[in-house]
Amino acid sequence: MTSKRWFREVLTVALVAVTVGCGGVYDSTISGKVSLDNQALSRGAITFQPITSGPPSTGRIKSDGSYRIRTGSEIGLPPGEYKVTIRANEAPANAVSKDGGPPPIGKRITPVWYDRASTTPLSFQVQPGPNTYDIELSEKPPEGWVDPAKKRRR
């Protein structure tokens, strides 16, 4: 086999391998809607934190309550078990702070127990392929809820 022919065959195999992998990095996608006491959240952030290891996957909650999860710059995430955290605040009243810095954070919309993987009652088993999770949050604390901040003060 000549070196030119060998090089062409190696190049062809490499191009086929790259083309086959163009479907995306992750096997699973997640989208859905988030609501609080039957009202769509109009803003916020949602995070899928893997129970085992790996980077968190995040999404922005849009004005209609919808979201789509990304891991870094890629749409999707690996299949597996995840804890889900959600945080939403009202829009700040002013575009800048009094001293010209970034605007102050608006009032919290979502209850505090949805903020951390250690306290959220939300968990999902993400399957390969498309997944849709419409998430209903509640102002009512989950059973057995103890605020970690109050627990430390005792």
C-alpha atoms as a PDB file:
ATOM      1  CA  MET A   1       0.000   0.000   0.000  1.00  0.00           C
ATOM      2  CA  THR A   2       1.424   3.387  -0.958  1.00  0.00           C
ATOM      3  CA  SER A   3       1.699   6.082   1.661  1.00  0.00           C
ATOM      4  CA  LYS A   4      -0.775   8.292  -0.256  1.00  0.00           C
ATOM      5  CA  ARG A   5      -3.396   5.559  -0.295  1.00  0.00           C
ATOM      6  CA  TRP A   6      -2.782   4.753   3.372  1.00  0.00           C
ATOM      7  CA  PHE A   7      -3.122   8.455   4.261  1.00  0.00           C
ATOM      8  CA  ARG A   8      -6.428   8.721   2.316  1.00  0.00           C
ATOM      9  CA  GLU A   9      -7.855   5.676   4.091  1.00  0.00           C
ATOM     10  CA  VAL A  10      -6.853   6.987   7.527  1.00  0.00           C
ATOM     11  CA  LEU A  11      -8.319  10.392   6.665  1.00  0.00           C
ATOM     12  CA  THR A  12     -11.575   8.786   5.476  1.00  0.00           C
ATOM     13  CA  VAL A  13     -11.919   6.761   8.691  1.00  0.00           C
ATOM     14  CA  ALA A  14     -11.232   9.884  10.774  1.00  0.00           C
ATOM     15  CA  LEU A  15     -13.830  11.934   8.874  1.00  0.00           C
ATOM     16  CA  VAL A  16     -16.454   9.203   9.263  1.00  0.00           C
ATOM     17  CA  ALA A  17     -15.742   8.997  13.006  1.00  0.00           C
ATOM     18  CA  VAL A  18     -16.065  12.772  13.408  1.00  0.00           C
ATOM     19  CA  THR A  19     -19.282  12.904  11.355  1.00  0.00           C
ATOM     20  CA  VAL A  20     -20.913  10.104  13.350  1.00  0.00           C
ATOM     21  CA  GLY A  21     -20.196  12.019  16.570  1.00  0.00           C
ATOM     22  CA  CYS A  22     -21.946  15.204  15.406  1.00  0.00           C
ATOM     23  CA  GLY A  23     -25.203  14.342  17.169  1.00  0.00           C
ATOM     24  CA  GLY A  24     -24.105  16.165  20.324  1.00  0.00           C
ATOM     25  CA  VAL A  25     -22.016  15.378  23.352  1.00  0.00           C
ATOM     26  CA  TYR A  26     -24.822  14.255  25.663  1.00  0.00           C
ATOM     27  CA  ASP A  27     -27.320  11.386  25.370  1.00  0.00           C
ATOM     28  CA  SER A  28     -30.184  13.144  27.181  1.00  0.00           C
ATOM     29  CA  THR A  29     -32.056  16.401  26.790  1.00  0.00           C
ATOM     30  CA  ILE A  30     -34.402  18.013  29.303  1.00  0.00           C
ATOM     31  CA  SER A  31     -37.042  20.674  28.867  1.00  0.00           C
ATOM     32  CA  GLY A  32     -40.242  21.560  30.652  1.00  0.00           C
ATOM     33  CA  LYS A  33     -42.030  24.242  32.632  1.00  0.00           C
ATOM     34  CA  VAL A  34     -41.700  25.430  36.224  1.00  0.00           C
ATOM     35  CA  SER A  35     -44.604  26.777  38.252  1.00  0.00           C
ATOM     36  CA  LEU A  36     -45.097  27.867  41.852  1.00  0.00           C
ATOM     37  CA  ASP A  37     -48.521  27.141  43.340  1.00  0.00           C
ATOM     38  CA  ASN A  38     -50.008  26.731  39.831  1.00  0.00           C
ATOM     39  CA  GLN A  39     -48.523  30.003  38.493  1.00  0.00           C
ATOM     40  CA  ALA A  40     -45.746  29.808  35.884  1.00  0.00           C
ATOM     41  CA  LEU A  41     -42.450  31.239  37.111  1.00  0.00           C
ATOM     42  CA  SER A  42     -41.495  34.070  34.774  1.00  0.00           C
ATOM     43  CA  ARG A  43     -37.777  34.076  35.605  1.00  0.00           C
ATOM     44  CA  GLY A  44     -35.088  32.173  37.465  1.00  0.00           C
ATOM     45  CA  ALA A  45     -32.456  29.485  37.185  1.00  0.00           C
ATOM     46  CA  ILE A  46     -32.708  25.703  37.366  1.00  0.00           C
ATOM     47  CA  THR A  47     -29.791  23.357  38.064  1.00  0.00           C
ATOM     48  CA  PHE A  48     -29.571  19.580  37.673  1.00  0.00           C
ATOM     49  CA  GLN A  49     -26.795  18.428  40.057  1.00  0.00           C
ATOM     50  CA  PRO A  50     -25.665  14.817  39.459  1.00  0.00           C
ATOM     51  CA  ILE A  51     -25.960  12.545  42.511  1.00  0.00           C
ATOM     52  CA  THR A  52     -22.685  10.813  41.608  1.00  0.00           C
ATOM     53  CA  SER A  53     -20.005  12.894  39.908  1.00  0.00           C
ATOM     54  CA  GLY A  54     -19.897  15.301  37.039  1.00  0.00           C
ATOM     55  CA  PRO A  55     -20.601  18.921  36.268  1.00  0.00           C
ATOM     56  CA  PRO A  56     -23.960  20.516  37.057  1.00  0.00           C
ATOM     57  CA  SER A  57     -26.312  21.239  34.169  1.00  0.00           C
ATOM     58  CA  THR A  58     -28.265  24.488  34.132  1.00  0.00           C
ATOM     59  CA  GLY A  59     -31.057  26.357  32.430  1.00  0.00           C
ATOM     60  CA  ARG A  60     -32.721  29.739  32.478  1.00  0.00           C
ATOM     61  CA  ILE A  61     -36.439  29.911  33.229  1.00  0.00           C
ATOM     62  CA  LYS A  62     -38.116  32.026  30.533  1.00  0.00           C
ATOM     63  CA  SER A  63     -41.112  34.353  30.892  1.00  0.00           C
ATOM     64  CA  ASP A  64     -43.600  31.532  30.130  1.00  0.00           C
ATOM     65  CA  GLY A  65     -42.023  29.232  32.760  1.00  0.00           C
ATOM     66  CA  SER A  66     -40.238  27.064  30.188  1.00  0.00           C
ATOM     67  CA  TYR A  67     -36.637  25.922  30.461  1.00  0.00           C
ATOM     68  CA  ARG A  68     -34.076  23.841  28.576  1.00  0.00           C
ATOM     69  CA  ILE A  69     -31.031  22.284  30.246  1.00  0.00           C
ATOM     70  CA  ARG A  70     -27.429  22.746  29.078  1.00  0.00           C
ATOM     71  CA  THR A  71     -24.108  21.457  30.333  1.00  0.00           C
ATOM     72  CA  GLY A  72     -21.592  24.186  29.652  1.00  0.00           C
ATOM     73  CA  SER A  73     -22.235  25.325  26.090  1.00  0.00           C
ATOM     74  CA  GLU A  74     -23.809  22.018  25.003  1.00  0.00           C
ATOM     75  CA  ILE A  75     -27.538  21.250  25.052  1.00  0.00           C
ATOM     76  CA  GLY A  76     -28.275  18.203  27.184  1.00  0.00           C
ATOM     77  CA  LEU A  77     -26.655  16.191  29.957  1.00  0.00           C
ATOM     78  CA  PRO A  78     -25.611  12.611  30.700  1.00  0.00           C
ATOM     79  CA  PRO A  79     -28.304  10.145  31.814  1.00  0.00           C
ATOM     80  CA  GLY A  80     -28.430   9.477  35.557  1.00  0.00           C
ATOM     81  CA  GLU A  81     -29.932  10.562  38.857  1.00  0.00           C
ATOM     82  CA  TYR A  82     -30.034  14.278  39.663  1.00  0.00           C
ATOM     83  CA  LYS A  83     -31.058  16.605  42.484  1.00  0.00           C
ATOM     84  CA  VAL A  84     -32.745  19.721  41.118  1.00  0.00           C
ATOM     85  CA  THR A  85     -32.431  23.216  42.549  1.00  0.00           C
ATOM     86  CA  ILE A  86     -34.446  26.242  41.474  1.00  0.00           C
ATOM     87  CA  ARG A  87     -33.977  29.880  42.425  1.00  0.00           C
ATOM     88  CA  ALA A  88     -36.009  32.858  41.260  1.00  0.00           C
ATOM     89  CA  ASN A  89     -35.979  36.459  42.428  1.00  0.00           C
ATOM     90  CA  GLU A  90     -38.116  39.410  41.396  1.00  0.00           C
ATOM     91  CA  ALA A  91     -36.555  41.812  38.923  1.00  0.00           C
ATOM     92  CA  PRO A  92     -34.601  44.570  40.672  1.00  0.00           C
ATOM     93  CA  ALA A  93     -36.448  47.872  40.979  1.00  0.00           C
ATOM     94  CA  ASN A  94     -33.488  49.830  39.569  1.00  0.00           C
ATOM     95  CA  ALA A  95     -31.120  48.995  36.729  1.00  0.00           C
ATOM     96  CA  VAL A  96     -28.098  50.038  38.847  1.00  0.00           C
ATOM     97  CA  SER A  97     -27.361  50.337  42.546  1.00  0.00           C
ATOM     98  CA  LYS A  98     -27.066  53.689  44.328  1.00  0.00           C
ATOM     99  CA  ASP A  99     -23.260  53.580  44.018  1.00  0.00           C
ATOM    100  CA  GLY A 100     -23.393  52.797  40.275  1.00  0.00           C
ATOM    101  CA  GLY A 101     -22.612  49.083  40.639  1.00  0.00           C
ATOM    102  CA  PRO A 102     -24.760  46.135  39.614  1.00  0.00           C
ATOM    103  CA  PRO A 103     -28.435  46.253  40.576  1.00  0.00           C
ATOM    104  CA  PRO A 104     -29.452  44.868  43.952  1.00  0.00           C
ATOM    105  CA  ILE A 105     -30.962  41.385  43.966  1.00  0.00           C
ATOM    106  CA  GLY A 106     -34.756  41.442  43.911  1.00  0.00           C
ATOM    107  CA  LYS A 107     -36.973  39.791  46.502  1.00  0.00           C
ATOM    108  CA  ARG A 108     -36.887  35.973  46.542  1.00  0.00           C
ATOM    109  CA  ILE A 109     -39.810  34.297  44.747  1.00  0.00           C
ATOM    110  CA  THR A 110     -38.997  30.617  45.317  1.00  0.00           C
ATOM    111  CA  PRO A 111     -38.922  29.068  48.797  1.00  0.00           C
ATOM    112  CA  VAL A 112     -35.473  28.567  50.328  1.00  0.00           C
ATOM    113  CA  TRP A 113     -35.657  24.742  50.393  1.00  0.00           C
ATOM    114  CA  TYR A 114     -35.387  24.632  46.589  1.00  0.00           C
ATOM    115  CA  ASP A 115     -32.003  26.481  46.703  1.00  0.00           C
ATOM    116  CA  ARG A 116     -29.598  23.676  47.629  1.00  0.00           C
ATOM    117  CA  ALA A 117     -29.058  20.072  46.564  1.00  0.00           C
ATOM    118  CA  SER A 118     -28.922  19.155  50.274  1.00  0.00           C
ATOM    119  CA  THR A 119     -32.417  20.548  50.990  1.00  0.00           C
ATOM    120  CA  THR A 120     -34.401  20.311  47.752  1.00  0.00           C
ATOM    121  CA  PRO A 121     -37.117  17.655  47.603  1.00  0.00           C
ATOM    122  CA  LEU A 122     -36.733  17.534  43.802  1.00  0.00           C
ATOM    123  CA  SER A 123     -34.875  14.629  42.195  1.00  0.00           C
ATOM    124  CA  PHE A 124     -35.161  13.012  38.782  1.00  0.00           C
ATOM    125  CA  GLN A 125     -33.833   9.928  37.028  1.00  0.00           C
ATOM    126  CA  VAL A 126     -32.824  11.259  33.602  1.00  0.00           C
ATOM    127  CA  GLN A 127     -33.206   8.696  30.813  1.00  0.00           C
ATOM    128  CA  PRO A 128     -31.325   8.639  27.484  1.00  0.00           C
ATOM    129  CA  GLY A 129     -33.124  10.675  24.820  1.00  0.00           C
ATOM    130  CA  PRO A 130     -35.590  13.532  25.303  1.00  0.00           C
ATOM    131  CA  ASN A 131     -37.026  14.062  28.805  1.00  0.00           C
ATOM    132  CA  THR A 132     -39.800  16.495  29.755  1.00  0.00           C
ATOM    133  CA  TYR A 133     -40.156  17.526  33.396  1.00  0.00           C
ATOM    134  CA  ASP A 134     -42.890  19.993  34.291  1.00  0.00           C
ATOM    135  CA  ILE A 135     -42.039  20.977  37.858  1.00  0.00           C
ATOM    136  CA  GLU A 136     -44.629  22.262  40.347  1.00  0.00           C
ATOM    137  CA  LEU A 137     -43.124  24.079  43.326  1.00  0.00           C
ATOM    138  CA  SER A 138     -45.037  24.808  46.511  1.00  0.00           C
ATOM    139  CA  GLU A 139     -44.854  27.515  49.177  1.00  0.00           C
ATOM    140  CA  LYS A 140     -45.702  24.761  51.669  1.00  0.00           C
ATOM    141  CA  PRO A 141     -42.501  23.317  53.215  1.00  0.00           C
ATOM    142  CA  PRO A 142     -41.762  19.654  52.512  1.00  0.00           C
ATOM    143  CA  GLU A 143     -42.506  17.230  55.322  1.00  0.00           C
ATOM    144  CA  GLY A 144     -39.776  17.328  57.976  1.00  0.00           C
ATOM    145  CA  TRP A 145     -38.296  20.603  56.701  1.00  0.00           C
ATOM    146  CA  VAL A 146     -35.976  22.358  59.165  1.00  0.00           C
ATOM    147  CA  ASP A 147     -34.326  25.577  58.007  1.00  0.00           C
ATOM    148  CA  PRO A 148     -30.525  24.965  58.148  1.00  0.00           C
ATOM    149  CA  ALA A 149     -29.960  28.588  59.239  1.00  0.00           C
ATOM    150  CA  LYS A 150     -32.218  28.096  62.265  1.00  0.00           C
ATOM    151  CA  LYS A 151     -30.664  24.700  63.011  1.00  0.00           C
ATOM    152  CA  ARG A 152     -27.196  26.329  63.332  1.00  0.00           C
ATOM    153  CA  ARG A 153     -28.428  28.971  65.795  1.00  0.00           C
ATOM    154  CA  ARG A 154     -29.508  26.437  68.395  1.00  0.00           C
END
